[in-house]
Amino acid sequence: MATYISLMNFTDQGIRNVKDTTKRAEAVKKVAKKFGVTMTQVLWTLGQYDLVCILEGKDDASVTAFGLSLGSAGNIRTQTLRAFSRDEMDGILGKLT
């Protein structure tokens, strides 16, 4: 499974309903499973982003479909980054000549 970091901000709709954010996060974890994605961590943060999620998915397409589904609900906007473990990065570096 590949790892992804999703940086999230509340939309106007999302911040109006912020009291439900933890309940929404639990519901979203269940939706993620339908896309073959696991939300391993959800963190509410201070600063530029309101939430940070750590995701695991079988491929970019699955995680992208999940992100589009999540965004279409209108509560958050996401920026998702593919993350590499040390072993994965060592494999990538091994391809350099």
Protein backbone atom coordinates (compact mmCIF):
# COMPACT_ATOMS: atom_id res chain seq x y z
CA MET A 1 0.00 0.00 0.00
CA ALA A 2 1.20 3.48 -0.85
CA THR A 3 1.15 6.28 1.73
CA TYR A 4 -0.35 9.71 1.15
CA ILE A 5 -0.55 12.86 3.26
CA SER A 6 -3.65 14.95 2.75
CA LEU A 7 -3.59 18.58 3.87
CA MET A 8 -7.11 19.92 4.37
CA ASN A 9 -8.88 23.21 4.89
CA PHE A 10 -12.48 23.76 5.88
CA THR A 11 -14.69 25.44 3.31
CA ASP A 12 -17.23 28.04 4.43
CA GLN A 13 -19.76 25.21 4.71
CA GLY A 14 -17.34 23.06 6.70
CA ILE A 15 -16.49 25.74 9.23
CA ARG A 16 -20.18 26.59 9.72
CA ASN A 17 -20.69 22.94 10.72
CA VAL A 18 -17.38 22.54 12.59
CA LYS A 19 -19.10 21.07 15.66
CA ASP A 20 -19.68 17.93 13.57
CA THR A 21 -16.09 17.60 12.35
CA THR A 22 -15.15 14.59 14.49
CA LYS A 23 -18.37 12.79 13.55
CA ARG A 24 -17.75 13.58 9.87
CA ALA A 25 -14.21 12.22 10.16
CA GLU A 26 -15.54 8.87 11.42
CA ALA A 27 -18.07 8.73 8.59
CA VAL A 28 -15.36 9.58 6.05
CA LYS A 29 -13.20 6.70 7.30
CA LYS A 30 -16.00 4.34 6.33
CA VAL A 31 -16.38 5.96 2.90
CA ALA A 32 -12.62 5.68 2.33
CA LYS A 33 -12.85 1.89 2.66
CA LYS A 34 -15.21 1.80 -0.34
CA PHE A 35 -12.37 3.26 -2.43
CA GLY A 36 -9.76 0.87 -1.04
CA VAL A 37 -8.27 3.65 1.07
CA THR A 38 -7.49 3.53 4.78
CA MET A 39 -7.32 6.70 6.85
CA THR A 40 -4.66 5.73 9.37
CA GLN A 41 -4.64 9.09 11.13
CA VAL A 42 -6.74 12.25 11.26
CA LEU A 43 -5.26 15.26 13.04
CA TRP A 44 -6.81 18.68 13.59
CA THR A 45 -4.09 21.30 13.31
CA LEU A 46 -3.24 24.94 13.90
CA GLY A 47 -1.69 27.06 11.17
CA GLN A 48 -2.11 26.95 7.42
CA TYR A 49 -4.14 23.70 7.38
CA ASP A 50 -7.12 22.72 9.50
CA LEU A 51 -6.60 18.96 9.25
CA VAL A 52 -3.88 16.53 8.21
CA CYS A 53 -4.75 12.96 7.27
CA ILE A 54 -2.45 10.04 6.68
CA LEU A 55 -3.90 7.70 4.06
CA GLU A 56 -2.93 4.35 2.64
CA GLY A 57 -4.19 3.25 -0.75
CA LYS A 58 -3.42 0.69 -3.40
CA ASP A 59 -2.79 3.30 -6.12
CA ASP A 60 -3.04 6.96 -7.08
CA ALA A 61 -6.36 6.46 -8.88
CA SER A 62 -8.08 5.06 -5.77
CA VAL A 63 -6.83 7.87 -3.55
CA THR A 64 -7.75 10.47 -6.18
CA ALA A 65 -11.28 9.09 -6.52
CA PHE A 66 -11.64 9.16 -2.73
CA GLY A 67 -10.38 12.75 -2.59
CA LEU A 68 -12.81 13.85 -5.29
CA SER A 69 -15.67 12.17 -3.45
CA LEU A 70 -14.63 13.83 -0.21
CA GLY A 71 -14.34 17.26 -1.83
CA SER A 72 -17.72 16.95 -3.52
CA ALA A 73 -19.41 16.88 -0.10
CA GLY A 74 -18.40 20.54 0.20
CA ASN A 75 -16.89 20.62 3.71
CA ILE A 76 -13.18 20.60 2.91
CA ARG A 77 -10.62 21.25 0.20
CA THR A 78 -7.66 18.92 -0.01
CA GLN A 79 -4.09 18.88 -1.22
CA THR A 80 -2.76 15.33 -1.29
CA LEU A 81 0.89 14.35 -1.43
CA ARG A 82 2.38 10.94 -2.21
CA ALA A 83 4.77 10.03 0.61
CA PHE A 84 7.61 7.52 0.46
CA SER A 85 8.97 5.39 3.30
CA ARG A 86 12.71 5.09 3.85
CA ASP A 87 12.75 1.70 2.07
CA GLU A 88 10.81 3.10 -0.89
CA MET A 89 13.16 6.08 -1.09
CA ASP A 90 16.20 3.76 -0.96
CA GLY A 91 14.70 1.88 -3.94
CA ILE A 92 14.22 5.12 -5.83
CA LEU A 93 17.75 6.26 -5.05
CA GLY A 94 19.06 2.88 -6.21
CA LYS A 95 17.79 3.73 -9.70
CA LEU A 96 20.01 6.79 -9.95
CA THR A 97 23.14 6.41 -12.02
